[in-house]
N, C-alpha and C. Protein backbone atom coordinates (compact mmCIF):
# COMPACT_ATOMS: atom_id res chain seq x y z
N MET A 1 -44.26 -4.70 -15.27
CA MET A 1 -43.35 -3.74 -15.79
C MET A 1 -43.24 -2.64 -15.19
N ASN A 2 -43.99 -1.83 -14.59
CA ASN A 2 -44.18 -0.56 -14.16
C ASN A 2 -42.93 -0.14 -12.64
N ALA A 3 -43.03 -1.74 -11.89
CA ALA A 3 -42.03 -2.11 -10.73
C ALA A 3 -40.82 -2.35 -11.15
N SER A 4 -40.51 -2.98 -12.18
CA SER A 4 -39.45 -3.11 -13.11
C SER A 4 -38.48 -1.87 -13.23
N VAL A 5 -39.51 -0.97 -13.67
CA VAL A 5 -38.61 0.29 -14.47
C VAL A 5 -38.49 1.01 -12.95
N ARG A 6 -39.71 1.45 -11.97
CA ARG A 6 -39.09 1.88 -10.92
C ARG A 6 -37.89 1.28 -9.85
N ARG A 7 -37.68 0.18 -9.80
CA ARG A 7 -36.26 -0.29 -9.44
C ARG A 7 -35.20 0.16 -10.48
N GLY A 8 -35.64 -0.22 -11.56
CA GLY A 8 -34.16 -0.01 -12.36
C GLY A 8 -33.83 1.84 -12.04
N ALA A 9 -34.75 2.64 -11.80
CA ALA A 9 -34.48 3.88 -11.79
C ALA A 9 -33.64 4.33 -10.35
N ILE A 10 -34.45 3.46 -9.47
CA ILE A 10 -33.82 3.59 -7.87
C ILE A 10 -32.16 3.22 -8.03
N VAL A 11 -31.70 2.05 -8.44
CA VAL A 11 -30.98 1.31 -8.63
C VAL A 11 -29.64 2.63 -9.48
N VAL A 12 -30.17 3.57 -10.35
CA VAL A 12 -29.51 4.26 -11.12
C VAL A 12 -28.90 5.55 -10.17
N VAL A 13 -30.16 6.12 -9.66
CA VAL A 13 -30.18 7.08 -8.64
C VAL A 13 -28.88 7.03 -7.02
N LEU A 14 -29.15 5.23 -6.88
CA LEU A 14 -28.13 5.11 -5.88
C LEU A 14 -26.71 5.27 -6.55
N LEU A 15 -26.34 4.81 -7.68
CA LEU A 15 -25.10 4.81 -8.38
C LEU A 15 -24.55 6.07 -8.58
N VAL A 16 -25.77 7.16 -9.14
CA VAL A 16 -24.83 8.30 -9.16
C VAL A 16 -24.90 8.66 -7.99
N SER A 17 -25.17 8.69 -6.80
CA SER A 17 -25.30 9.28 -5.86
C SER A 17 -23.90 8.74 -5.10
N ALA A 18 -23.62 7.33 -5.38
CA ALA A 18 -22.67 6.70 -4.97
C ALA A 18 -21.20 7.56 -5.23
N ALA A 19 -21.34 7.64 -6.69
CA ALA A 19 -20.29 7.89 -7.75
C ALA A 19 -19.76 9.51 -6.94
N CYS A 20 -20.89 10.47 -6.93
CA CYS A 20 -20.69 11.87 -6.84
C CYS A 20 -20.21 12.29 -5.10
N GLY A 21 -20.27 11.05 -4.56
CA GLY A 21 -19.88 11.39 -3.15
C GLY A 21 -18.58 10.72 -2.53
N SER A 22 -18.06 10.64 -3.86
CA SER A 22 -16.79 9.84 -3.32
C SER A 22 -15.55 11.14 -3.21
N SER A 23 -14.60 11.23 -2.53
CA SER A 23 -13.42 11.89 -2.44
C SER A 23 -11.62 11.44 -3.02
N VAL A 24 -10.78 12.37 -2.49
CA VAL A 24 -9.68 11.96 -3.37
C VAL A 24 -9.08 11.70 -1.63
N PRO A 25 -8.72 10.70 -1.57
CA PRO A 25 -7.66 10.67 -0.13
C PRO A 25 -6.33 11.26 -0.14
N SER A 26 -6.10 11.51 0.77
CA SER A 26 -5.32 12.38 1.07
C SER A 26 -3.68 11.88 1.60
N THR A 27 -4.04 10.27 1.46
CA THR A 27 -2.53 9.61 2.27
C THR A 27 -3.39 7.99 2.33
N PRO A 28 -2.79 7.02 2.26
CA PRO A 28 -3.34 5.67 2.40
C PRO A 28 -3.71 5.88 3.99
N THR A 29 -5.31 5.17 3.62
CA THR A 29 -5.99 5.47 5.27
C THR A 29 -5.64 4.51 6.15
N GLY A 30 -5.15 3.55 6.07
CA GLY A 30 -5.12 2.73 7.19
C GLY A 30 -6.32 1.94 7.83
N THR A 31 -6.90 2.23 7.27
CA THR A 31 -8.62 1.77 7.32
C THR A 31 -8.82 0.86 6.68
N ILE A 32 -9.40 -0.70 6.75
CA ILE A 32 -9.70 -1.61 5.81
C ILE A 32 -10.94 -1.82 5.21
N GLN A 33 -11.20 -1.25 4.18
CA GLN A 33 -12.60 -1.72 3.43
C GLN A 33 -12.49 -3.06 3.41
N LEU A 34 -13.87 -3.67 3.07
CA LEU A 34 -13.88 -4.90 2.62
C LEU A 34 -13.53 -5.38 1.35
N PRO A 35 -12.51 -6.47 1.59
CA PRO A 35 -12.52 -6.91 -0.17
C PRO A 35 -13.39 -7.16 -0.44
N LEU A 36 -13.46 -7.39 -2.26
CA LEU A 36 -14.21 -8.49 -3.19
C LEU A 36 -14.06 -9.71 -2.29
N SER A 37 -13.23 -10.12 -2.44
CA SER A 37 -12.75 -11.91 -1.99
C SER A 37 -12.34 -11.90 -0.10
N PRO A 38 -12.96 -13.20 0.27
CA PRO A 38 -12.26 -13.00 2.05
C PRO A 38 -10.98 -12.91 1.94
N SER A 39 -10.16 -12.48 2.76
CA SER A 39 -9.00 -12.37 3.30
C SER A 39 -8.53 -14.08 3.89
N PRO A 40 -7.19 -14.18 3.76
CA PRO A 40 -6.87 -15.32 4.23
C PRO A 40 -6.69 -15.07 5.48
N THR A 41 -6.16 -16.22 6.61
CA THR A 41 -6.20 -15.95 7.81
C THR A 41 -4.91 -15.07 8.22
N PRO A 42 -4.85 -14.20 9.11
CA PRO A 42 -3.60 -13.76 9.03
C PRO A 42 -2.42 -14.65 9.71
N PRO A 43 -1.19 -14.42 9.59
CA PRO A 43 -0.11 -14.79 10.34
C PRO A 43 -0.38 -14.52 11.84
N PRO A 44 0.52 -15.69 12.82
CA PRO A 44 0.31 -14.87 13.79
C PRO A 44 1.41 -13.59 14.06
N ALA A 45 0.91 -12.87 15.28
CA ALA A 45 2.21 -11.75 15.41
C ALA A 45 3.62 -11.76 15.17
N THR A 46 4.28 -10.93 14.53
CA THR A 46 5.54 -11.09 14.22
C THR A 46 6.29 -9.49 14.91
N ASN A 47 7.53 -10.45 15.72
CA ASN A 47 8.18 -9.34 16.25
C ASN A 47 9.44 -9.06 15.23
N PHE A 48 9.13 -8.04 14.52
CA PHE A 48 9.77 -7.62 13.71
C PHE A 48 11.55 -6.59 14.32
N PRO A 49 12.10 -6.22 13.36
CA PRO A 49 13.63 -5.71 14.01
C PRO A 49 13.25 -4.50 14.16
N PRO A 50 14.16 -4.07 15.13
CA PRO A 50 14.23 -2.37 15.18
C PRO A 50 14.52 -2.02 14.11
N LEU A 51 14.35 -0.49 14.04
CA LEU A 51 14.57 0.11 12.76
C LEU A 51 15.60 1.09 13.20
N SER A 52 17.15 0.26 12.88
CA SER A 52 18.21 0.89 13.40
C SER A 52 19.55 0.24 12.67
N GLY A 53 20.47 1.11 12.55
CA GLY A 53 21.85 0.44 11.83
C GLY A 53 21.71 1.09 10.66
N PRO A 54 22.38 0.54 9.85
CA PRO A 54 22.97 0.72 8.15
C PRO A 54 21.40 0.35 7.04
N SER A 55 21.24 1.52 6.09
CA SER A 55 20.30 1.17 5.49
C SER A 55 20.10 1.55 4.28
N ARG A 56 19.48 1.51 3.30
CA ARG A 56 19.34 2.10 2.01
C ARG A 56 18.30 2.87 2.02
N ILE A 57 18.20 3.97 1.60
CA ILE A 57 16.75 4.61 0.88
C ILE A 57 16.47 4.70 -0.36
N PHE A 58 15.01 4.30 -0.82
CA PHE A 58 14.77 4.31 -1.72
C PHE A 58 13.60 5.46 -1.96
N VAL A 59 13.85 6.10 -3.05
CA VAL A 59 12.63 6.85 -3.28
C VAL A 59 11.70 6.80 -4.42
N PHE A 60 10.61 7.77 -4.27
CA PHE A 60 9.63 7.83 -5.57
C PHE A 60 10.25 8.42 -6.62
N ASP A 61 10.06 7.34 -7.56
CA ASP A 61 10.63 7.43 -9.28
C ASP A 61 9.57 8.27 -10.11
N ARG A 62 8.54 6.95 -10.08
CA ARG A 62 7.52 7.13 -11.05
C ARG A 62 6.37 5.86 -10.44
N GLN A 63 5.10 5.90 -11.61
CA GLN A 63 4.04 5.09 -10.85
C GLN A 63 4.61 4.15 -11.88
N VAL A 64 3.86 2.54 -11.49
CA VAL A 64 3.74 1.60 -12.49
C VAL A 64 3.18 1.58 -13.60
N SER A 65 1.72 1.54 -13.36
CA SER A 65 1.07 1.82 -14.43
C SER A 65 0.02 2.45 -14.92
N TYR A 66 -0.45 3.18 -13.60
CA TYR A 66 -1.86 4.31 -13.94
C TYR A 66 -1.03 5.62 -12.28
N PRO A 67 -2.01 6.69 -12.48
CA PRO A 67 -0.99 7.88 -11.84
C PRO A 67 -1.63 7.34 -10.75
N VAL A 68 -0.65 8.14 -10.17
CA VAL A 68 -0.55 8.01 -8.20
C VAL A 68 -0.62 9.24 -7.81
N SER A 69 -1.20 9.46 -6.35
CA SER A 69 -1.51 10.14 -5.62
C SER A 69 -0.37 11.06 -5.10
N ASN A 70 -0.85 12.08 -5.09
CA ASN A 70 0.09 13.36 -4.80
C ASN A 70 1.03 12.38 -3.37
N TYR A 71 0.58 12.03 -2.48
CA TYR A 71 1.42 11.34 -1.39
C TYR A 71 1.94 9.94 -1.66
N THR A 72 1.79 9.31 -2.63
CA THR A 72 2.63 8.62 -3.14
C THR A 72 4.04 9.40 -3.90
N THR A 73 3.85 10.23 -4.61
CA THR A 73 4.88 10.67 -4.98
C THR A 73 5.88 11.27 -4.13
N LYS A 74 5.10 11.30 -2.62
CA LYS A 74 6.50 11.78 -1.65
C LYS A 74 6.63 10.72 -0.90
N SER A 75 7.11 9.59 -1.03
CA SER A 75 7.06 8.67 0.06
C SER A 75 8.75 7.91 -0.64
N ARG A 76 8.74 7.64 0.47
CA ARG A 76 9.76 6.85 0.16
C ARG A 76 10.25 5.38 0.89
N PHE A 77 11.06 4.64 0.82
CA PHE A 77 11.59 3.43 1.61
C PHE A 77 12.57 2.86 2.00
N VAL A 78 12.60 3.05 3.34
CA VAL A 78 13.88 2.51 4.19
C VAL A 78 14.05 1.34 4.60
N LEU A 79 15.08 0.86 3.69
CA LEU A 79 15.54 -0.81 4.23
C LEU A 79 16.48 -1.09 4.97
N TYR A 80 16.50 -1.11 6.37
CA TYR A 80 17.63 -1.42 7.03
C TYR A 80 18.30 -2.81 6.43
N ASP A 81 19.33 -2.72 7.12
CA ASP A 81 20.74 -4.14 6.95
C ASP A 81 19.99 -5.26 7.62
N ASN A 82 19.62 -5.10 8.91
CA ASN A 82 19.21 -6.33 9.77
C ASN A 82 17.69 -6.72 9.33
N GLY A 83 16.92 -6.42 8.09
CA GLY A 83 15.94 -7.18 7.72
C GLY A 83 14.27 -6.01 8.33
N ALA A 84 14.62 -4.81 8.93
CA ALA A 84 13.50 -3.81 9.10
C ALA A 84 13.28 -3.19 7.87
N PHE A 85 12.57 -2.27 7.78
CA PHE A 85 11.97 -1.16 7.20
C PHE A 85 10.92 -0.57 7.43
N VAL A 86 10.45 0.56 6.64
CA VAL A 86 9.40 1.76 7.20
C VAL A 86 9.22 2.13 5.94
N LEU A 87 8.13 2.71 5.68
CA LEU A 87 7.50 3.37 4.59
C LEU A 87 7.08 5.10 4.82
N GLN A 88 7.89 6.08 4.59
CA GLN A 88 7.81 6.85 4.94
C GLN A 88 6.56 7.95 3.97
N TYR A 89 5.85 8.65 4.63
CA TYR A 89 5.28 9.81 3.84
C TYR A 89 6.04 11.03 4.17
N GLU A 90 5.95 11.88 3.36
CA GLU A 90 6.10 13.17 3.67
C GLU A 90 5.52 14.33 4.73
N HIS A 91 4.28 14.18 4.66
CA HIS A 91 3.87 15.21 5.87
C HIS A 91 3.75 14.06 6.83
N ILE A 92 3.91 12.98 7.28
CA ILE A 92 4.04 12.49 8.73
C ILE A 92 5.21 12.06 9.30
N GLY A 93 6.31 12.76 8.48
CA GLY A 93 7.93 12.69 9.03
C GLY A 93 8.27 11.40 8.99
N ASP A 94 9.28 10.69 9.74
CA ASP A 94 10.03 9.62 10.29
C ASP A 94 8.80 8.54 10.36
N GLU A 95 7.93 9.34 10.65
CA GLU A 95 6.55 8.19 11.53
C GLU A 95 6.14 7.04 9.95
N GLY A 96 5.44 6.18 10.20
CA GLY A 96 5.37 5.45 8.83
C GLY A 96 4.85 4.19 9.21
N TYR A 97 4.80 3.34 7.77
CA TYR A 97 4.19 2.18 8.17
C TYR A 97 5.61 0.78 8.27
N ARG A 98 5.96 0.49 9.48
CA ARG A 98 6.82 -0.35 9.69
C ARG A 98 6.69 -1.73 9.50
N GLY A 99 7.47 -2.33 9.29
CA GLY A 99 7.70 -3.93 9.15
C GLY A 99 9.17 -4.94 8.68
N GLY A 100 9.27 -5.72 8.40
CA GLY A 100 10.17 -6.77 8.06
C GLY A 100 10.19 -7.21 6.69
N TYR A 101 11.58 -7.45 5.93
CA TYR A 101 11.68 -8.22 4.65
C TYR A 101 12.75 -8.83 4.67
N LYS A 102 12.03 -9.52 3.52
CA LYS A 102 13.37 -10.67 3.27
C LYS A 102 13.39 -10.62 1.74
N GLU A 103 14.61 -10.36 1.51
CA GLU A 103 15.06 -10.42 0.07
C GLU A 103 16.43 -11.50 -0.53
N GLU A 104 15.89 -12.12 -1.35
CA GLU A 104 16.30 -13.26 -2.04
C GLU A 104 16.53 -12.84 -3.66
N ASN A 105 17.87 -12.85 -3.97
CA ASN A 105 17.99 -12.45 -5.76
C ASN A 105 17.05 -11.79 -6.58
N GLY A 106 17.41 -10.32 -5.73
CA GLY A 106 16.88 -9.24 -6.04
C GLY A 106 14.85 -8.94 -5.82
N ALA A 107 14.53 -10.35 -5.25
CA ALA A 107 12.63 -10.43 -4.78
C ALA A 107 12.88 -9.85 -3.31
N ILE A 108 11.73 -9.19 -3.12
CA ILE A 108 11.51 -8.65 -1.63
C ILE A 108 10.38 -9.08 -1.30
N THR A 109 10.35 -9.49 -0.02
CA THR A 109 8.88 -10.16 0.49
C THR A 109 8.87 -8.83 1.70
N PHE A 110 7.91 -7.98 1.41
CA PHE A 110 7.30 -6.48 2.75
C PHE A 110 6.11 -7.08 3.59
N ASP A 111 6.62 -7.89 5.03
CA ASP A 111 5.58 -7.86 5.96
C ASP A 111 5.22 -6.69 6.50
N PHE A 112 4.17 -6.36 6.68
CA PHE A 112 3.79 -4.95 7.55
C PHE A 112 3.50 -4.81 8.51
N GLU A 113 3.65 -4.09 9.78
CA GLU A 113 3.11 -4.90 11.12
C GLU A 113 2.15 -3.47 10.99
N VAL A 114 0.67 -4.34 11.52
CA VAL A 114 -0.69 -3.68 11.19
C VAL A 114 -1.35 -4.44 12.46
N CYS A 115 -2.27 -3.51 12.77
CA CYS A 115 -3.45 -3.97 14.03
C CYS A 115 -4.79 -4.23 13.72
N CYS A 116 -4.78 -4.45 12.90
CA CYS A 116 -5.89 -5.05 12.00
C CYS A 116 -5.93 -6.65 11.39
N LYS A 117 -7.10 -7.10 11.48
CA LYS A 117 -6.64 -8.79 11.11
C LYS A 117 -6.39 -8.81 9.42
N ALA A 118 -6.19 -7.96 8.67
CA ALA A 118 -5.94 -8.27 7.27
C ALA A 118 -4.55 -8.34 6.82
N VAL A 119 -3.89 -8.91 6.34
CA VAL A 119 -2.42 -9.10 5.83
C VAL A 119 -2.12 -8.11 4.85
N TRP A 120 -1.39 -7.67 5.77
CA TRP A 120 -0.76 -6.26 4.53
C TRP A 120 0.44 -6.80 4.17
N ARG A 121 1.05 -6.75 2.82
CA ARG A 121 2.30 -7.48 2.16
C ARG A 121 2.45 -6.63 1.18
N ALA A 122 3.49 -6.45 0.50
CA ALA A 122 4.10 -5.88 -0.81
C ALA A 122 4.94 -7.01 -1.43
N THR A 123 4.94 -6.81 -2.64
CA THR A 123 6.34 -7.48 -3.07
C THR A 123 7.14 -6.66 -3.72
N GLY A 124 8.82 -6.53 -3.80
CA GLY A 124 9.32 -5.86 -4.63
C GLY A 124 10.54 -6.65 -5.22
N THR A 125 10.81 -5.61 -6.23
CA THR A 125 11.71 -6.62 -7.05
C THR A 125 12.83 -5.44 -7.34
N LEU A 126 14.05 -5.64 -7.38
CA LEU A 126 15.29 -4.70 -7.36
C LEU A 126 16.10 -4.98 -8.73
N GLN A 127 16.02 -4.06 -9.57
CA GLN A 127 17.01 -3.98 -10.70
C GLN A 127 17.95 -3.18 -11.06
N GLY A 128 18.79 -3.04 -10.43
CA GLY A 128 19.99 -2.38 -10.61
C GLY A 128 19.63 -1.31 -9.10
N ASP A 129 19.36 -0.24 -9.86
CA ASP A 129 18.81 1.06 -8.52
C ASP A 129 17.32 0.91 -8.19
N ALA A 130 16.86 0.24 -9.18
CA ALA A 130 14.91 0.76 -9.05
C ALA A 130 14.67 -0.17 -8.33
N LEU A 131 13.70 -0.28 -7.31
CA LEU A 131 12.79 -1.03 -6.71
C LEU A 131 11.22 -0.93 -7.03
N THR A 132 10.51 -1.73 -7.76
CA THR A 132 9.54 -1.61 -8.05
C THR A 132 8.67 -2.35 -7.18
N VAL A 133 7.44 -1.64 -6.49
CA VAL A 133 6.89 -2.60 -5.28
C VAL A 133 4.99 -2.32 -5.64
N ARG A 134 4.73 -3.41 -5.00
CA ARG A 134 3.55 -4.20 -5.56
C ARG A 134 2.89 -4.60 -4.49
N TYR A 135 1.52 -3.46 -3.99
CA TYR A 135 1.30 -3.80 -2.80
C TYR A 135 0.16 -5.13 -3.03
N ASN A 136 -0.32 -6.16 -1.91
CA ASN A 136 -1.44 -7.11 -1.93
C ASN A 136 -2.59 -6.57 -2.10
N GLU A 137 -3.95 -6.61 -2.18
CA GLU A 137 -5.46 -6.36 -2.30
C GLU A 137 -5.97 -5.52 -1.35
N ALA A 138 -5.42 -5.98 0.07
CA ALA A 138 -5.52 -5.48 1.64
C ALA A 138 -5.26 -4.20 1.31
N MET A 139 -4.18 -3.77 0.99
CA MET A 139 -3.29 -2.58 1.20
C MET A 139 -4.05 -1.64 -0.27
N GLN A 140 -4.07 -2.35 -1.46
CA GLN A 140 -4.40 -1.36 -2.39
C GLN A 140 -6.02 -1.09 -1.88
N TRP A 141 -6.59 -1.61 -0.94
CA TRP A 141 -8.45 -1.38 -0.68
C TRP A 141 -7.75 -0.18 0.47
N THR A 142 -6.72 0.04 0.79
CA THR A 142 -6.48 1.14 1.68
C THR A 142 -5.89 2.06 1.02
N ASP A 143 -5.66 2.18 -0.50
CA ASP A 143 -5.30 3.38 -0.97
C ASP A 143 -3.35 3.32 -1.01
N PHE A 144 -2.98 2.14 -0.58
CA PHE A 144 -1.41 2.15 -0.93
C PHE A 144 -1.23 1.52 -2.64
N GLU A 145 -0.33 2.60 -3.52
CA GLU A 145 -0.21 2.35 -5.11
C GLU A 145 0.74 2.19 -5.45
N ASP A 146 1.08 1.28 -6.45
CA ASP A 146 2.06 0.12 -6.66
C ASP A 146 3.25 1.47 -7.34
N ALA A 147 4.55 1.57 -6.82
CA ALA A 147 5.20 2.40 -7.44
C ALA A 147 6.62 1.89 -7.17
N VAL A 148 7.30 2.52 -8.84
CA VAL A 148 8.85 2.55 -8.68
C VAL A 148 9.62 3.58 -7.98
N TYR A 149 10.54 2.82 -7.24
CA TYR A 149 11.53 3.48 -6.31
C TYR A 149 13.08 3.19 -6.73
N VAL A 150 13.73 4.82 -6.42
CA VAL A 150 15.08 4.69 -6.92
C VAL A 150 15.79 5.28 -5.53
N LEU A 151 17.42 4.05 -5.71
CA LEU A 151 18.35 4.33 -4.58
C LEU A 151 18.67 5.74 -4.33
N ARG A 152 18.57 5.91 -3.20
CA ARG A 152 18.99 7.52 -2.98
C ARG A 152 20.72 7.74 -2.52
N ARG A 153 21.72 8.09 -3.29
CA ARG A 153 22.83 7.87 -3.13
C ARG A 153 23.39 9.14 -2.09
């Protein structure tokens, strides 16, 4: 009985210290934390189109379901007509998270260029000028937040 109480007290102390030691990120980290479930095998490397030519710019409008971080409120998607895109954050300028997208009947699949073994993917839904973006689990674990963006005219 005494050993059980001690083990329980140790668990409580560890949980409290872990909770108190967290900090709020200032941007998506790009560092992969281990997900709760194993990630699927990543697809082979893809050559994405260059970031050039005509484009549409979607700027942050609102959260999807929960409050988002300040860095998300200062983000935007640039979708190039050639199938390339970049997700940009104000504090990193034109640099950002690049990749390719496929659009069909208002549904968009975003495949991100990454240097790690995780698959970074997001889905988008276009309704009028609004683009709702939802990230996969690997991206959510690295601080990307679902949001609604609107077309900048």
